[in-house]
């Protein structure tokens, strides 16, 4: 089961192209959405921080990290 999950995740990541991502804006947006949902989340950091990566995968990873931290 674990091998199937890892294979699925690997296929998903490989399909997404890398692009410049503004990590600061991504995190601000994520925290704003969580705050709107009634959770205590805020962003404190630079206004912009560009990184070359996979936007959907990065958003998913940061969402998981922040959700786990809130729990």
PDB file of N, CA and C in Angstrom:
ATOM      1  N   UNK A   1       0.829  -1.190   0.000  1.00  0.00           N
ATOM      2  CA  UNK A   1       0.000   0.000   0.000  1.00  0.00           C
ATOM      3  C   UNK A   1       0.878   1.261   0.000  1.00  0.00           C
ATOM      4  N   UNK A   2       1.911   1.245   0.832  1.00  0.00           N
ATOM      5  CA  UNK A   2       2.828   2.388   0.889  1.00  0.00           C
ATOM      6  C   UNK A   2       3.502   2.611  -0.461  1.00  0.00           C
ATOM      7  N   UNK A   3       3.942   1.518  -1.092  1.00  0.00           N
ATOM      8  CA  UNK A   3       4.606   1.641  -2.391  1.00  0.00           C
ATOM      9  C   UNK A   3       3.659   2.237  -3.434  1.00  0.00           C
ATOM     10  N   UNK A   4       2.392   1.851  -3.394  1.00  0.00           N
ATOM     11  CA  UNK A   4       1.403   2.394  -4.330  1.00  0.00           C
ATOM     12  C   UNK A   4       1.218   3.885  -4.118  1.00  0.00           C
ATOM     13  N   UNK A   5       1.159   4.297  -2.854  1.00  0.00           N
ATOM     14  CA  UNK A   5       0.991   5.715  -2.531  1.00  0.00           C
ATOM     15  C   UNK A   5       2.188   6.526  -3.003  1.00  0.00           C
ATOM     16  N   UNK A   6       3.388   6.019  -2.745  1.00  0.00           N
ATOM     17  CA  UNK A   6       4.600   6.720  -3.173  1.00  0.00           C
ATOM     18  C   UNK A   6       4.669   6.799  -4.699  1.00  0.00           C
ATOM     19  N   UNK A   7       4.286   5.736  -5.368  1.00  0.00           N
ATOM     20  CA  UNK A   7       4.288   5.738  -6.829  1.00  0.00           C
ATOM     21  C   UNK A   7       3.301   6.761  -7.368  1.00  0.00           C
ATOM     22  N   UNK A   8       2.105   6.803  -6.774  1.00  0.00           N
ATOM     23  CA  UNK A   8       1.092   7.770  -7.188  1.00  0.00           C
ATOM     24  C   UNK A   8       1.590   9.192  -6.986  1.00  0.00           C
ATOM     25  N   UNK A   9       2.170   9.469  -5.813  1.00  0.00           N
ATOM     26  CA  UNK A   9       2.682  10.810  -5.513  1.00  0.00           C
ATOM     27  C   UNK A   9       3.805  11.181  -6.472  1.00  0.00           C
ATOM     28  N   UNK A  10       4.656  10.251  -6.795  1.00  0.00           N
ATOM     29  CA  UNK A  10       5.752  10.511  -7.721  1.00  0.00           C
ATOM     30  C   UNK A  10       5.259  10.832  -9.112  1.00  0.00           C
ATOM     31  N   UNK A  11       4.226  10.111  -9.574  1.00  0.00           N
ATOM     32  CA  UNK A  11       3.649  10.392 -10.884  1.00  0.00           C
ATOM     33  C   UNK A  11       3.028  11.777 -10.913  1.00  0.00           C
ATOM     34  N   UNK A  12       2.369  12.160  -9.824  1.00  0.00           N
ATOM     35  CA  UNK A  12       1.710  13.457  -9.730  1.00  0.00           C
ATOM     36  C   UNK A  12       2.724  14.589  -9.803  1.00  0.00           C
ATOM     37  N   UNK A  13       3.822  14.437  -9.104  1.00  0.00           N
ATOM     38  CA  UNK A  13       4.849  15.478  -9.071  1.00  0.00           C
ATOM     39  C   UNK A  13       5.528  15.614 -10.430  1.00  0.00           C
ATOM     40  N   UNK A  14       5.793  14.498 -11.094  1.00  0.00           N
ATOM     41  CA  UNK A  14       6.477  14.531 -12.370  1.00  0.00           C
ATOM     42  C   UNK A  14       5.681  15.223 -13.465  1.00  0.00           C
ATOM     43  N   UNK A  15       4.375  15.238 -13.326  1.00  0.00           N
ATOM     44  CA  UNK A  15       3.522  15.826 -14.349  1.00  0.00           C
ATOM     45  C   UNK A  15       3.473  17.349 -14.269  1.00  0.00           C
ATOM     46  N   UNK A  16       3.837  17.897 -13.145  1.00  0.00           N
ATOM     47  CA  UNK A  16       3.752  19.347 -12.959  1.00  0.00           C
ATOM     48  C   UNK A  16       5.070  20.019 -13.343  1.00  0.00           C
ATOM     49  N   UNK A  17       4.974  21.024 -14.185  1.00  0.00           N
ATOM     50  CA  UNK A  17       6.164  21.753 -14.615  1.00  0.00           C
ATOM     51  C   UNK A  17       6.632  22.711 -13.531  1.00  0.00           C
ATOM     52  N   UNK A  18       7.922  22.984 -13.522  1.00  0.00           N
ATOM     53  CA  UNK A  18       8.446  23.973 -12.585  1.00  0.00           C
ATOM     54  C   UNK A  18       8.258  25.365 -13.179  1.00  0.00           C
ATOM     55  N   UNK A  19       7.941  26.298 -12.302  1.00  0.00           N
ATOM     56  CA  UNK A  19       7.724  27.692 -12.672  1.00  0.00           C
ATOM     57  C   UNK A  19       8.200  28.566 -11.522  1.00  0.00           C
ATOM     58  N   UNK A  20       8.446  29.838 -11.788  1.00  0.00           N
ATOM     59  CA  UNK A  20       8.740  30.738 -10.677  1.00  0.00           C
ATOM     60  C   UNK A  20       7.510  30.850  -9.780  1.00  0.00           C
ATOM     61  N   UNK A  21       7.724  30.701  -8.485  1.00  0.00           N
ATOM     62  CA  UNK A  21       6.646  30.774  -7.497  1.00  0.00           C
ATOM     63  C   UNK A  21       7.042  31.812  -6.455  1.00  0.00           C
ATOM     64  N   UNK A  22       6.142  32.696  -6.132  1.00  0.00           N
ATOM     65  CA  UNK A  22       6.379  33.656  -5.059  1.00  0.00           C
ATOM     66  C   UNK A  22       5.936  32.985  -3.752  1.00  0.00           C
ATOM     67  N   UNK A  23       6.890  32.406  -3.038  1.00  0.00           N
ATOM     68  CA  UNK A  23       6.578  31.669  -1.813  1.00  0.00           C
ATOM     69  C   UNK A  23       5.920  32.554  -0.761  1.00  0.00           C
ATOM     70  N   UNK A  24       6.339  33.795  -0.676  1.00  0.00           N
ATOM     71  CA  UNK A  24       5.751  34.703   0.317  1.00  0.00           C
ATOM     72  C   UNK A  24       4.268  34.910   0.028  1.00  0.00           C
ATOM     73  N   UNK A  25       3.932  35.148  -1.231  1.00  0.00           N
ATOM     74  CA  UNK A  25       2.530  35.348  -1.597  1.00  0.00           C
ATOM     75  C   UNK A  25       1.729  34.062  -1.407  1.00  0.00           C
ATOM     76  N   UNK A  26       2.334  32.923  -1.723  1.00  0.00           N
ATOM     77  CA  UNK A  26       1.664  31.644  -1.530  1.00  0.00           C
ATOM     78  C   UNK A  26       1.318  31.446  -0.053  1.00  0.00           C
ATOM     79  N   UNK A  27       2.277  31.702   0.823  1.00  0.00           N
ATOM     80  CA  UNK A  27       2.054  31.529   2.266  1.00  0.00           C
ATOM     81  C   UNK A  27       1.066  32.558   2.810  1.00  0.00           C
ATOM     82  N   UNK A  28       1.144  33.789   2.325  1.00  0.00           N
ATOM     83  CA  UNK A  28       0.183  34.806   2.755  1.00  0.00           C
ATOM     84  C   UNK A  28      -1.234  34.390   2.365  1.00  0.00           C
ATOM     85  N   UNK A  29      -1.393  33.909   1.152  1.00  0.00           N
ATOM     86  CA  UNK A  29      -2.698  33.467   0.659  1.00  0.00           C
ATOM     87  C   UNK A  29      -3.217  32.287   1.476  1.00  0.00           C
ATOM     88  N   UNK A  30      -2.347  31.340   1.752  1.00  0.00           N
ATOM     89  CA  UNK A  30      -2.723  30.179   2.547  1.00  0.00           C
ATOM     90  C   UNK A  30      -3.189  30.602   3.939  1.00  0.00           C
ATOM     91  N   UNK A  31      -2.442  31.475   4.579  1.00  0.00           N
ATOM     92  CA  UNK A  31      -2.808  31.950   5.923  1.00  0.00           C
ATOM     93  C   UNK A  31      -4.096  32.765   5.888  1.00  0.00           C
ATOM     94  N   UNK A  32      -4.278  33.577   4.865  1.00  0.00           N
ATOM     95  CA  UNK A  32      -5.523  34.350   4.727  1.00  0.00           C
ATOM     96  C   UNK A  32      -6.726  33.418   4.604  1.00  0.00           C
ATOM     97  N   UNK A  33      -6.589  32.367   3.795  1.00  0.00           N
ATOM     98  CA  UNK A  33      -7.678  31.410   3.630  1.00  0.00           C
ATOM     99  C   UNK A  33      -8.002  30.695   4.944  1.00  0.00           C
ATOM    100  N   UNK A  34      -6.983  30.312   5.674  1.00  0.00           N
ATOM    101  CA  UNK A  34      -7.200  29.643   6.955  1.00  0.00           C
ATOM    102  C   UNK A  34      -7.837  30.598   7.961  1.00  0.00           C
ATOM    103  N   UNK A  35      -7.381  31.849   7.963  1.00  0.00           N
ATOM    104  CA  UNK A  35      -7.952  32.849   8.859  1.00  0.00           C
ATOM    105  C   UNK A  35      -9.427  33.068   8.544  1.00  0.00           C
ATOM    106  N   UNK A  36      -9.755  33.129   7.247  1.00  0.00           N
ATOM    107  CA  UNK A  36     -11.156  33.279   6.825  1.00  0.00           C
ATOM    108  C   UNK A  36     -12.006  32.093   7.263  1.00  0.00           C
ATOM    109  N   UNK A  37     -11.368  30.928   7.414  1.00  0.00           N
ATOM    110  CA  UNK A  37     -12.074  29.723   7.849  1.00  0.00           C
ATOM    111  C   UNK A  37     -12.156  29.636   9.374  1.00  0.00           C
ATOM    112  N   UNK A  38     -11.695  30.698  10.061  1.00  0.00           N
ATOM    113  CA  UNK A  38     -11.807  30.744  11.508  1.00  0.00           C
ATOM    114  C   UNK A  38     -10.628  30.151  12.262  1.00  0.00           C
ATOM    115  N   UNK A  39      -9.543  29.896  11.588  1.00  0.00           N
ATOM    116  CA  UNK A  39      -8.351  29.335  12.247  1.00  0.00           C
ATOM    117  C   UNK A  39      -7.339  30.442  12.474  1.00  0.00           C
ATOM    118  N   UNK A  40      -6.534  30.265  13.494  1.00  0.00           N
ATOM    119  CA  UNK A  40      -5.494  31.254  13.805  1.00  0.00           C
ATOM    120  C   UNK A  40      -4.259  30.972  12.974  1.00  0.00           C
ATOM    121  N   UNK A  41      -4.103  31.727  11.923  1.00  0.00           N
ATOM    122  CA  UNK A  41      -2.942  31.590  11.055  1.00  0.00           C
ATOM    123  C   UNK A  41      -2.564  32.964  10.540  1.00  0.00           C
ATOM    124  N   UNK A  42      -1.295  33.271  10.597  1.00  0.00           N
ATOM    125  CA  UNK A  42      -0.820  34.548  10.077  1.00  0.00           C
ATOM    126  C   UNK A  42       0.558  34.347   9.459  1.00  0.00           C
ATOM    127  N   UNK A  43       0.904  35.229   8.579  1.00  0.00           N
ATOM    128  CA  UNK A  43       2.196  35.189   7.907  1.00  0.00           C
ATOM    129  C   UNK A  43       3.030  36.369   8.362  1.00  0.00           C
ATOM    130  N   UNK A  44       4.296  36.096   8.670  1.00  0.00           N
ATOM    131  CA  UNK A  44       5.245  37.145   9.014  1.00  0.00           C
ATOM    132  C   UNK A  44       6.544  36.836   8.280  1.00  0.00           C
ATOM    133  N   UNK A  45       6.877  37.674   7.328  1.00  0.00           N
ATOM    134  CA  UNK A  45       8.083  37.422   6.548  1.00  0.00           C
ATOM    135  C   UNK A  45       8.193  38.432   5.426  1.00  0.00           C
ATOM    136  N   UNK A  46       9.056  38.141   4.459  1.00  0.00           N
ATOM    137  CA  UNK A  46       9.233  39.086   3.350  1.00  0.00           C
ATOM    138  C   UNK A  46       7.958  39.197   2.524  1.00  0.00           C
ATOM    139  N   UNK A  47       7.811  40.316   1.839  1.00  0.00           N
ATOM    140  CA  UNK A  47       6.642  40.519   0.980  1.00  0.00           C
ATOM    141  C   UNK A  47       6.705  39.638  -0.268  1.00  0.00           C
ATOM    142  N   UNK A  48       7.916  39.375  -0.767  1.00  0.00           N
ATOM    143  CA  UNK A  48       8.088  38.535  -1.952  1.00  0.00           C
ATOM    144  C   UNK A  48       9.341  37.685  -1.798  1.00  0.00           C
ATOM    145  N   UNK A  49       9.254  36.453  -2.254  1.00  0.00           N
ATOM    146  CA  UNK A  49      10.394  35.546  -2.246  1.00  0.00           C
ATOM    147  C   UNK A  49      10.176  34.552  -3.380  1.00  0.00           C
ATOM    148  N   UNK A  50      10.852  34.752  -4.484  1.00  0.00           N
ATOM    149  CA  UNK A  50      10.642  33.927  -5.673  1.00  0.00           C
ATOM    150  C   UNK A  50      11.507  32.675  -5.610  1.00  0.00           C
ATOM    151  N   UNK A  51      10.888  31.548  -5.994  1.00  0.00           N
ATOM    152  CA  UNK A  51      11.536  30.245  -5.994  1.00  0.00           C
ATOM    153  C   UNK A  51      11.085  29.496  -7.236  1.00  0.00           C
ATOM    154  N   UNK A  52      11.972  28.774  -7.868  1.00  0.00           N
ATOM    155  CA  UNK A  52      11.635  27.961  -9.027  1.00  0.00           C
ATOM    156  C   UNK A  52      11.170  26.593  -8.526  1.00  0.00           C
ATOM    157  N   UNK A  53       9.882  26.313  -8.702  1.00  0.00           N
ATOM    158  CA  UNK A  53       9.357  25.055  -8.193  1.00  0.00           C
ATOM    159  C   UNK A  53       8.028  24.694  -8.826  1.00  0.00           C
ATOM    160  N   UNK A  54       7.380  23.712  -8.246  1.00  0.00           N
ATOM    161  CA  UNK A  54       6.088  23.223  -8.724  1.00  0.00           C
ATOM    162  C   UNK A  54       4.986  23.827  -7.857  1.00  0.00           C
ATOM    163  N   UNK A  55       4.252  24.804  -8.367  1.00  0.00           N
ATOM    164  CA  UNK A  55       3.297  25.559  -7.550  1.00  0.00           C
ATOM    165  C   UNK A  55       2.250  24.714  -6.829  1.00  0.00           C
ATOM    166  N   UNK A  56       1.627  23.776  -7.514  1.00  0.00           N
ATOM    167  CA  UNK A  56       0.573  22.972  -6.883  1.00  0.00           C
ATOM    168  C   UNK A  56       1.154  22.097  -5.786  1.00  0.00           C
ATOM    169  N   UNK A  57       2.299  21.494  -6.060  1.00  0.00           N
ATOM    170  CA  UNK A  57       2.945  20.642  -5.062  1.00  0.00           C
ATOM    171  C   UNK A  57       3.399  21.445  -3.848  1.00  0.00           C
ATOM    172  N   UNK A  58       3.949  22.636  -4.103  1.00  0.00           N
ATOM    173  CA  UNK A  58       4.380  23.484  -2.991  1.00  0.00           C
ATOM    174  C   UNK A  58       3.195  23.913  -2.134  1.00  0.00           C
ATOM    175  N   UNK A  59       2.106  24.298  -2.776  1.00  0.00           N
ATOM    176  CA  UNK A  59       0.919  24.709  -2.020  1.00  0.00           C
ATOM    177  C   UNK A  59       0.397  23.544  -1.178  1.00  0.00           C
ATOM    178  N   UNK A  60       0.363  22.358  -1.767  1.00  0.00           N
ATOM    179  CA  UNK A  60      -0.096  21.173  -1.041  1.00  0.00           C
ATOM    180  C   UNK A  60       0.813  20.892   0.169  1.00  0.00           C
ATOM    181  N   UNK A  61       2.112  20.977  -0.045  1.00  0.00           N
ATOM    182  CA  UNK A  61       3.057  20.707   1.042  1.00  0.00           C
ATOM    183  C   UNK A  61       2.918  21.731   2.171  1.00  0.00           C
ATOM    184  N   UNK A  62       2.847  23.011   1.821  1.00  0.00           N
ATOM    185  CA  UNK A  62       2.701  24.041   2.851  1.00  0.00           C
ATOM    186  C   UNK A  62       1.348  23.952   3.549  1.00  0.00           C
ATOM    187  N   UNK A  63       0.302  23.595   2.805  1.00  0.00           N
ATOM    188  CA  UNK A  63      -1.018  23.423   3.422  1.00  0.00           C
ATOM    189  C   UNK A  63      -0.964  22.311   4.457  1.00  0.00           C
ATOM    190  N   UNK A  64      -0.335  21.198   4.114  1.00  0.00           N
ATOM    191  CA  UNK A  64      -0.200  20.092   5.066  1.00  0.00           C
ATOM    192  C   UNK A  64       0.599  20.512   6.298  1.00  0.00           C
ATOM    193  N   UNK A  65       1.693  21.224   6.090  1.00  0.00           N
ATOM    194  CA  UNK A  65       2.525  21.662   7.217  1.00  0.00           C
ATOM    195  C   UNK A  65       1.748  22.594   8.165  1.00  0.00           C
ATOM    196  N   UNK A  66       1.065  23.569   7.588  1.00  0.00           N
ATOM    197  CA  UNK A  66       0.338  24.529   8.416  1.00  0.00           C
ATOM    198  C   UNK A  66      -0.849  23.861   9.106  1.00  0.00           C
ATOM    199  N   UNK A  67      -1.579  23.002   8.375  1.00  0.00           N
ATOM    200  CA  UNK A  67      -2.695  22.283   8.991  1.00  0.00           C
ATOM    201  C   UNK A  67      -2.216  21.425  10.166  1.00  0.00           C
ATOM    202  N   UNK A  68      -1.099  20.736   9.967  1.00  0.00           N
ATOM    203  CA  UNK A  68      -0.550  19.922  11.065  1.00  0.00           C
ATOM    204  C   UNK A  68      -0.119  20.791  12.248  1.00  0.00           C
ATOM    205  N   UNK A  69       0.452  21.926  11.969  1.00  0.00           N
ATOM    206  CA  UNK A  69       0.878  22.829  13.044  1.00  0.00           C
ATOM    207  C   UNK A  69      -0.329  23.344  13.832  1.00  0.00           C
ATOM    208  N   UNK A  70      -1.422  23.621  13.124  1.00  0.00           N
ATOM    209  CA  UNK A  70      -2.625  24.125  13.810  1.00  0.00           C
ATOM    210  C   UNK A  70      -3.273  23.051  14.671  1.00  0.00           C
ATOM    211  N   UNK A  71      -3.112  21.806  14.269  1.00  0.00           N
ATOM    212  CA  UNK A  71      -3.692  20.694  15.049  1.00  0.00           C
ATOM    213  C   UNK A  71      -2.864  20.451  16.289  1.00  0.00           C
TER     214      UNK A  71
END
